[in-house]
Amino acid sequence: MAWFRQAPGKEREFVSSVRWAGGRTNYADSVK
């Protein structure tokens, strides 16, 4: 699963993701 976000006038960008059983996660540098 993942979260994305999109601001007006901008492309959708990746925010964060998590594997199916939890554990490993990823974050965009802007939200770390």
ModelCIF file with pLDDT and N, C-alpha, C, O atoms, coordinates in Angstrom:
data_MODEL
#
_entry.id   MODEL 
#
_entity.id                         1 
_entity.type                       polymer 
_entity.pdbx_number_of_molecules   1 
#
_entity_poly.entity_id                      1 
_entity_poly.type                           'polypeptide(L)' 
_entity_poly.nstd_linkage                   no 
_entity_poly.nstd_monomer                   no 
_entity_poly.pdbx_seq_one_letter_code       MAWFRQAPGKEREFVSSVRWAGGRTNYADSVK 
_entity_poly.pdbx_seq_one_letter_code_can   MAWFRQAPGKEREFVSSVRWAGGRTNYADSVK 
_entity_poly.pdbx_strand_id                 A 
#
loop_
_entity_poly_seq.entity_id 
_entity_poly_seq.num 
_entity_poly_seq.mon_id 
_entity_poly_seq.hetero 
1 1  MET n 
1 2  ALA n 
1 3  TRP n 
1 4  PHE n 
1 5  ARG n 
1 6  GLN n 
1 7  ALA n 
1 8  PRO n 
1 9  GLY n 
1 10 LYS n 
1 11 GLU n 
1 12 ARG n 
1 13 GLU n 
1 14 PHE n 
1 15 VAL n 
1 16 SER n 
1 17 SER n 
1 18 VAL n 
1 19 ARG n 
1 20 TRP n 
1 21 ALA n 
1 22 GLY n 
1 23 GLY n 
1 24 ARG n 
1 25 THR n 
1 26 ASN n 
1 27 TYR n 
1 28 ALA n 
1 29 ASP n 
1 30 SER n 
1 31 VAL n 
1 32 LYS n 
#
_struct_asym.id          A 
_struct_asym.entity_id   1 
#
loop_
_ma_qa_metric.id 
_ma_qa_metric.mode 
_ma_qa_metric.name 
_ma_qa_metric.software_group_id 
_ma_qa_metric.type 
1 global pLDDT . pLDDT 
2 local  pLDDT . pLDDT 
#
_ma_qa_metric_global.metric_id      1 
_ma_qa_metric_global.metric_value   94.25 
_ma_qa_metric_global.model_id       1 
_ma_qa_metric_global.ordinal_id     1 
#
loop_
_ma_qa_metric_local.label_asym_id 
_ma_qa_metric_local.label_comp_id 
_ma_qa_metric_local.label_seq_id 
_ma_qa_metric_local.metric_id 
_ma_qa_metric_local.metric_value 
_ma_qa_metric_local.model_id 
_ma_qa_metric_local.ordinal_id 
A MET 1  2 94.00 1 1  
A ALA 2  2 97.00 1 2  
A TRP 3  2 98.00 1 3  
A PHE 4  2 98.00 1 4  
A ARG 5  2 98.00 1 5  
A GLN 6  2 98.00 1 6  
A ALA 7  2 97.00 1 7  
A PRO 8  2 90.00 1 8  
A GLY 9  2 93.00 1 9  
A LYS 10 2 96.00 1 10 
A GLU 11 2 96.00 1 11 
A ARG 12 2 96.00 1 12 
A GLU 13 2 97.00 1 13 
A PHE 14 2 97.00 1 14 
A VAL 15 2 98.00 1 15 
A SER 16 2 98.00 1 16 
A SER 17 2 96.00 1 17 
A VAL 18 2 95.00 1 18 
A ARG 19 2 91.00 1 19 
A TRP 20 2 84.00 1 20 
A ALA 21 2 81.00 1 21 
A GLY 22 2 77.00 1 22 
A GLY 23 2 81.00 1 23 
A ARG 24 2 92.00 1 24 
A THR 25 2 96.00 1 25 
A ASN 26 2 96.00 1 26 
A TYR 27 2 97.00 1 27 
A ALA 28 2 98.00 1 28 
A ASP 29 2 98.00 1 29 
A SER 30 2 97.00 1 30 
A VAL 31 2 98.00 1 31 
A LYS 32 2 98.00 1 32 
#
loop_
_atom_site.group_PDB 
_atom_site.id 
_atom_site.type_symbol 
_atom_site.label_atom_id 
_atom_site.label_alt_id 
_atom_site.label_comp_id 
_atom_site.label_asym_id 
_atom_site.label_entity_id 
_atom_site.label_seq_id 
_atom_site.pdbx_PDB_ins_code 
_atom_site.Cartn_x 
_atom_site.Cartn_y 
_atom_site.Cartn_z 
_atom_site.occupancy 
_atom_site.B_iso_or_equiv 
_atom_site.pdbx_formal_charge 
_atom_site.auth_seq_id 
_atom_site.auth_comp_id 
_atom_site.auth_asym_id 
_atom_site.auth_atom_id 
_atom_site.pdbx_PDB_model_num 
ATOM 1   N N  . MET A 1 1  ? 0.829  -1.193 0.000   1.00 94.00 ? 1  MET A N  1 
ATOM 2   C CA . MET A 1 1  ? 0.000  0.000  0.000   1.00 94.00 ? 1  MET A CA 1 
ATOM 3   C C  . MET A 1 1  ? 0.867  1.247  0.000   1.00 94.00 ? 1  MET A C  1 
ATOM 4   O O  . MET A 1 1  ? 2.020  1.227  0.429   1.00 94.00 ? 1  MET A O  1 
ATOM 5   N N  . ALA A 1 2  ? 0.284  2.329  -0.490  1.00 97.00 ? 2  ALA A N  1 
ATOM 6   C CA . ALA A 1 2  ? 1.038  3.569  -0.583  1.00 97.00 ? 2  ALA A CA 1 
ATOM 7   C C  . ALA A 1 2  ? 0.121  4.767  -0.442  1.00 97.00 ? 2  ALA A C  1 
ATOM 8   O O  . ALA A 1 2  ? -1.093 4.677  -0.622  1.00 97.00 ? 2  ALA A O  1 
ATOM 9   N N  . TRP A 1 3  ? 0.735  5.883  -0.117  1.00 98.00 ? 3  TRP A N  1 
ATOM 10  C CA . TRP A 1 3  ? 0.078  7.182  -0.134  1.00 98.00 ? 3  TRP A CA 1 
ATOM 11  C C  . TRP A 1 3  ? 0.755  8.066  -1.176  1.00 98.00 ? 3  TRP A C  1 
ATOM 12  O O  . TRP A 1 3  ? 1.981  8.127  -1.265  1.00 98.00 ? 3  TRP A O  1 
ATOM 13  N N  . PHE A 1 4  ? -0.067 8.741  -1.952  1.00 98.00 ? 4  PHE A N  1 
ATOM 14  C CA . PHE A 1 4  ? 0.379  9.751  -2.891  1.00 98.00 ? 4  PHE A CA 1 
ATOM 15  C C  . PHE A 1 4  ? -0.341 11.054 -2.572  1.00 98.00 ? 4  PHE A C  1 
ATOM 16  O O  . PHE A 1 4  ? -1.327 11.068 -1.836  1.00 98.00 ? 4  PHE A O  1 
ATOM 17  N N  . ARG A 1 5  ? 0.161  12.136 -3.129  1.00 98.00 ? 5  ARG A N  1 
ATOM 18  C CA . ARG A 1 5  ? -0.527 13.408 -2.968  1.00 98.00 ? 5  ARG A CA 1 
ATOM 19  C C  . ARG A 1 5  ? -0.392 14.234 -4.238  1.00 98.00 ? 5  ARG A C  1 
ATOM 20  O O  . ARG A 1 5  ? 0.541  14.060 -5.022  1.00 98.00 ? 5  ARG A O  1 
ATOM 21  N N  . GLN A 1 6  ? -1.343 15.133 -4.418  1.00 98.00 ? 6  GLN A N  1 
ATOM 22  C CA . GLN A 1 6  ? -1.336 15.992 -5.594  1.00 98.00 ? 6  GLN A CA 1 
ATOM 23  C C  . GLN A 1 6  ? -1.830 17.377 -5.199  1.00 98.00 ? 6  GLN A C  1 
ATOM 24  O O  . GLN A 1 6  ? -2.957 17.542 -4.732  1.00 98.00 ? 6  GLN A O  1 
ATOM 25  N N  . ALA A 1 7  ? -0.982 18.349 -5.394  1.00 97.00 ? 7  ALA A N  1 
ATOM 26  C CA . ALA A 1 7  ? -1.323 19.734 -5.150  1.00 97.00 ? 7  ALA A CA 1 
ATOM 27  C C  . ALA A 1 7  ? -1.833 20.360 -6.443  1.00 97.00 ? 7  ALA A C  1 
ATOM 28  O O  . ALA A 1 7  ? -1.503 19.881 -7.528  1.00 97.00 ? 7  ALA A O  1 
ATOM 29  N N  . PRO A 1 8  ? -2.626 21.415 -6.348  1.00 90.00 ? 8  PRO A N  1 
ATOM 30  C CA . PRO A 1 8  ? -3.121 22.073 -7.557  1.00 90.00 ? 8  PRO A CA 1 
ATOM 31  C C  . PRO A 1 8  ? -1.988 22.505 -8.477  1.00 90.00 ? 8  PRO A C  1 
ATOM 32  O O  . PRO A 1 8  ? -1.019 23.123 -8.035  1.00 90.00 ? 8  PRO A O  1 
ATOM 33  N N  . GLY A 1 9  ? -2.116 22.177 -9.751  1.00 93.00 ? 9  GLY A N  1 
ATOM 34  C CA . GLY A 1 9  ? -1.114 22.555 -10.730 1.00 93.00 ? 9  GLY A CA 1 
ATOM 35  C C  . GLY A 1 9  ? 0.126  21.704 -10.741 1.00 93.00 ? 9  GLY A C  1 
ATOM 36  O O  . GLY A 1 9  ? 1.052  21.981 -11.503 1.00 93.00 ? 9  GLY A O  1 
ATOM 37  N N  . LYS A 1 10 ? 0.176  20.674 -9.918  1.00 96.00 ? 10 LYS A N  1 
ATOM 38  C CA . LYS A 1 10 ? 1.338  19.812 -9.853  1.00 96.00 ? 10 LYS A CA 1 
ATOM 39  C C  . LYS A 1 10 ? 0.955  18.373 -10.148 1.00 96.00 ? 10 LYS A C  1 
ATOM 40  O O  . LYS A 1 10 ? -0.208 17.986 -10.038 1.00 96.00 ? 10 LYS A O  1 
ATOM 41  N N  . GLU A 1 11 ? 1.959  17.586 -10.524 1.00 96.00 ? 11 GLU A N  1 
ATOM 42  C CA . GLU A 1 11 ? 1.732  16.173 -10.766 1.00 96.00 ? 11 GLU A CA 1 
ATOM 43  C C  . GLU A 1 11 ? 1.625  15.417 -9.453  1.00 96.00 ? 11 GLU A C  1 
ATOM 44  O O  . GLU A 1 11 ? 2.142  15.845 -8.421  1.00 96.00 ? 11 GLU A O  1 
ATOM 45  N N  . ARG A 1 12 ? 0.949  14.295 -9.517  1.00 96.00 ? 12 ARG A N  1 
ATOM 46  C CA . ARG A 1 12 ? 0.862  13.448 -8.345  1.00 96.00 ? 12 ARG A CA 1 
ATOM 47  C C  . ARG A 1 12 ? 2.247  12.953 -7.950  1.00 96.00 ? 12 ARG A C  1 
ATOM 48  O O  . ARG A 1 12 ? 3.045  12.576 -8.808  1.00 96.00 ? 12 ARG A O  1 
ATOM 49  N N  . GLU A 1 13 ? 2.528  12.955 -6.656  1.00 97.00 ? 13 GLU A N  1 
ATOM 50  C CA . GLU A 1 13 ? 3.828  12.533 -6.191  1.00 97.00 ? 13 GLU A CA 1 
ATOM 51  C C  . GLU A 1 13 ? 3.712  11.485 -5.095  1.00 97.00 ? 13 GLU A C  1 
ATOM 52  O O  . GLU A 1 13 ? 2.746  11.448 -4.333  1.00 97.00 ? 13 GLU A O  1 
ATOM 53  N N  . PHE A 1 14 ? 4.714  10.648 -5.045  1.00 97.00 ? 14 PHE A N  1 
ATOM 54  C CA . PHE A 1 14 ? 4.792  9.605  -4.036  1.00 97.00 ? 14 PHE A CA 1 
ATOM 55  C C  . PHE A 1 14 ? 5.069  10.198 -2.672  1.00 97.00 ? 14 PHE A C  1 
ATOM 56  O O  . PHE A 1 14 ? 5.876  11.118 -2.538  1.00 97.00 ? 14 PHE A O  1 
ATOM 57  N N  . VAL A 1 15 ? 4.401  9.673  -1.662  1.00 98.00 ? 15 VAL A N  1 
ATOM 58  C CA . VAL A 1 15 ? 4.611  10.110 -0.288  1.00 98.00 ? 15 VAL A CA 1 
ATOM 59  C C  . VAL A 1 15 ? 5.242  9.000  0.549   1.00 98.00 ? 15 VAL A C  1 
ATOM 60  O O  . VAL A 1 15 ? 6.286  9.199  1.170   1.00 98.00 ? 15 VAL A O  1 
ATOM 61  N N  . SER A 1 16 ? 4.602  7.829  0.560   1.00 98.00 ? 16 SER A N  1 
ATOM 62  C CA . SER A 1 16 ? 5.073  6.751  1.415   1.00 98.00 ? 16 SER A CA 1 
ATOM 63  C C  . SER A 1 16 ? 4.459  5.435  0.978   1.00 98.00 ? 16 SER A C  1 
ATOM 64  O O  . SER A 1 16 ? 3.413  5.416  0.330   1.00 98.00 ? 16 SER A O  1 
ATOM 65  N N  . SER A 1 17 ? 5.108  4.334  1.333   1.00 96.00 ? 17 SER A N  1 
ATOM 66  C CA . SER A 1 17 ? 4.576  3.006  1.047   1.00 96.00 ? 17 SER A CA 1 
ATOM 67  C C  . SER A 1 17 ? 4.942  2.044  2.164   1.00 96.00 ? 17 SER A C  1 
ATOM 68  O O  . SER A 1 17 ? 5.870  2.282  2.937   1.00 96.00 ? 17 SER A O  1 
ATOM 69  N N  . VAL A 1 18 ? 4.195  0.957  2.230   1.00 95.00 ? 18 VAL A N  1 
ATOM 70  C CA . VAL A 1 18 ? 4.437  -0.086 3.227   1.00 95.00 ? 18 VAL A CA 1 
ATOM 71  C C  . VAL A 1 18 ? 4.143  -1.435 2.594   1.00 95.00 ? 18 VAL A C  1 
ATOM 72  O O  . VAL A 1 18 ? 3.183  -1.580 1.837   1.00 95.00 ? 18 VAL A O  1 
ATOM 73  N N  . ARG A 1 19 ? 4.976  -2.421 2.907   1.00 91.00 ? 19 ARG A N  1 
ATOM 74  C CA . ARG A 1 19 ? 4.784  -3.753 2.355   1.00 91.00 ? 19 ARG A CA 1 
ATOM 75  C C  . ARG A 1 19 ? 3.553  -4.420 2.958   1.00 91.00 ? 19 ARG A C  1 
ATOM 76  O O  . ARG A 1 19 ? 2.995  -3.957 3.953   1.00 91.00 ? 19 ARG A O  1 
ATOM 77  N N  . TRP A 1 20 ? 3.151  -5.505 2.336   1.00 84.00 ? 20 TRP A N  1 
ATOM 78  C CA . TRP A 1 20 ? 1.861  -6.140 2.651   1.00 84.00 ? 20 TRP A CA 1 
ATOM 79  C C  . TRP A 1 20 ? 1.719  -6.541 4.114   1.00 84.00 ? 20 TRP A C  1 
ATOM 80  O O  . TRP A 1 20 ? 0.618  -6.487 4.664   1.00 84.00 ? 20 TRP A O  1 
ATOM 81  N N  . ALA A 1 21 ? 2.805  -6.938 4.744   1.00 81.00 ? 21 ALA A N  1 
ATOM 82  C CA . ALA A 1 21 ? 2.761  -7.374 6.129   1.00 81.00 ? 21 ALA A CA 1 
ATOM 83  C C  . ALA A 1 21 ? 3.354  -6.333 7.081   1.00 81.00 ? 21 ALA A C  1 
ATOM 84  O O  . ALA A 1 21 ? 3.691  -6.646 8.223   1.00 81.00 ? 21 ALA A O  1 
ATOM 85  N N  . GLY A 1 22 ? 3.475  -5.125 6.613   1.00 77.00 ? 22 GLY A N  1 
ATOM 86  C CA . GLY A 1 22 ? 4.130  -4.110 7.400   1.00 77.00 ? 22 GLY A CA 1 
ATOM 87  C C  . GLY A 1 22 ? 5.638  -4.237 7.243   1.00 77.00 ? 22 GLY A C  1 
ATOM 88  O O  . GLY A 1 22 ? 6.121  -4.767 6.242   1.00 77.00 ? 22 GLY A O  1 
ATOM 89  N N  . GLY A 1 23 ? 6.359  -3.765 8.204   1.00 81.00 ? 23 GLY A N  1 
ATOM 90  C CA . GLY A 1 23 ? 7.800  -3.867 8.160   1.00 81.00 ? 23 GLY A CA 1 
ATOM 91  C C  . GLY A 1 23 ? 8.419  -2.778 7.305   1.00 81.00 ? 23 GLY A C  1 
ATOM 92  O O  . GLY A 1 23 ? 8.413  -1.605 7.679   1.00 81.00 ? 23 GLY A O  1 
ATOM 93  N N  . ARG A 1 24 ? 8.957  -3.173 6.145   1.00 92.00 ? 24 ARG A N  1 
ATOM 94  C CA . ARG A 1 24 ? 9.682  -2.217 5.319   1.00 92.00 ? 24 ARG A CA 1 
ATOM 95  C C  . ARG A 1 24 ? 8.783  -1.094 4.827   1.00 92.00 ? 24 ARG A C  1 
ATOM 96  O O  . ARG A 1 24 ? 7.699  -1.330 4.294   1.00 92.00 ? 24 ARG A O  1 
ATOM 97  N N  . THR A 1 25 ? 9.248  0.111  5.013   1.00 96.00 ? 25 THR A N  1 
ATOM 98  C CA . THR A 1 25 ? 8.521  1.291  4.581   1.00 96.00 ? 25 THR A CA 1 
ATOM 99  C C  . THR A 1 25 ? 9.441  2.195  3.782   1.00 96.00 ? 25 THR A C  1 
ATOM 100 O O  . THR A 1 25 ? 10.663 2.134  3.916   1.00 96.00 ? 25 THR A O  1 
ATOM 101 N N  . ASN A 1 26 ? 8.846  3.027  2.956   1.00 96.00 ? 26 ASN A N  1 
ATOM 102 C CA . ASN A 1 26 ? 9.583  4.004  2.167   1.00 96.00 ? 26 ASN A CA 1 
ATOM 103 C C  . ASN A 1 26 ? 8.909  5.357  2.306   1.00 96.00 ? 26 ASN A C  1 
ATOM 104 O O  . ASN A 1 26 ? 7.693  5.452  2.471   1.00 96.00 ? 26 ASN A O  1 
ATOM 105 N N  . TYR A 1 27 ? 9.725  6.404  2.236   1.00 97.00 ? 27 TYR A N  1 
ATOM 106 C CA . TYR A 1 27 ? 9.222  7.762  2.359   1.00 97.00 ? 27 TYR A CA 1 
ATOM 107 C C  . TYR A 1 27 ? 9.893  8.677  1.359   1.00 97.00 ? 27 TYR A C  1 
ATOM 108 O O  . TYR A 1 27 ? 11.080 8.538  1.063   1.00 97.00 ? 27 TYR A O  1 
ATOM 109 N N  . ALA A 1 28 ? 9.120  9.612  0.846   1.00 98.00 ? 28 ALA A N  1 
ATOM 110 C CA . ALA A 1 28 ? 9.716  10.677 0.064   1.00 98.00 ? 28 ALA A CA 1 
ATOM 111 C C  . ALA A 1 28 ? 10.605 11.518 0.966   1.00 98.00 ? 28 ALA A C  1 
ATOM 112 O O  . ALA A 1 28 ? 10.332 11.676 2.156   1.00 98.00 ? 28 ALA A O  1 
ATOM 113 N N  . ASP A 1 29 ? 11.665 12.053 0.387   1.00 98.00 ? 29 ASP A N  1 
ATOM 114 C CA . ASP A 1 29 ? 12.590 12.854 1.181   1.00 98.00 ? 29 ASP A CA 1 
ATOM 115 C C  . ASP A 1 29 ? 11.887 14.027 1.863   1.00 98.00 ? 29 ASP A C  1 
ATOM 116 O O  . ASP A 1 29 ? 12.271 14.431 2.960   1.00 98.00 ? 29 ASP A O  1 
ATOM 117 N N  . SER A 1 30 ? 10.873 14.564 1.221   1.00 97.00 ? 30 SER A N  1 
ATOM 118 C CA . SER A 1 30 ? 10.195 15.737 1.735   1.00 97.00 ? 30 SER A CA 1 
ATOM 119 C C  . SER A 1 30 ? 9.411  15.479 3.019   1.00 97.00 ? 30 SER A C  1 
ATOM 120 O O  . SER A 1 30 ? 9.062  16.421 3.730   1.00 97.00 ? 30 SER A O  1 
ATOM 121 N N  . VAL A 1 31 ? 9.131  14.205 3.323   1.00 98.00 ? 31 VAL A N  1 
ATOM 122 C CA . VAL A 1 31 ? 8.323  13.894 4.502   1.00 98.00 ? 31 VAL A CA 1 
ATOM 123 C C  . VAL A 1 31 ? 9.057  13.041 5.521   1.00 98.00 ? 31 VAL A C  1 
ATOM 124 O O  . VAL A 1 31 ? 8.511  12.759 6.588   1.00 98.00 ? 31 VAL A O  1 
ATOM 125 N N  . LYS A 1 32 ? 10.272 12.627 5.225   1.00 98.00 ? 32 LYS A N  1 
ATOM 126 C CA . LYS A 1 32 ? 11.026 11.796 6.157   1.00 98.00 ? 32 LYS A CA 1 
ATOM 127 C C  . LYS A 1 32 ? 11.188 12.497 7.502   1.00 98.00 ? 32 LYS A C  1 
ATOM 128 O O  . LYS A 1 32 ? 11.800 11.945 8.417   1.00 98.00 ? 32 LYS A O  1 
#
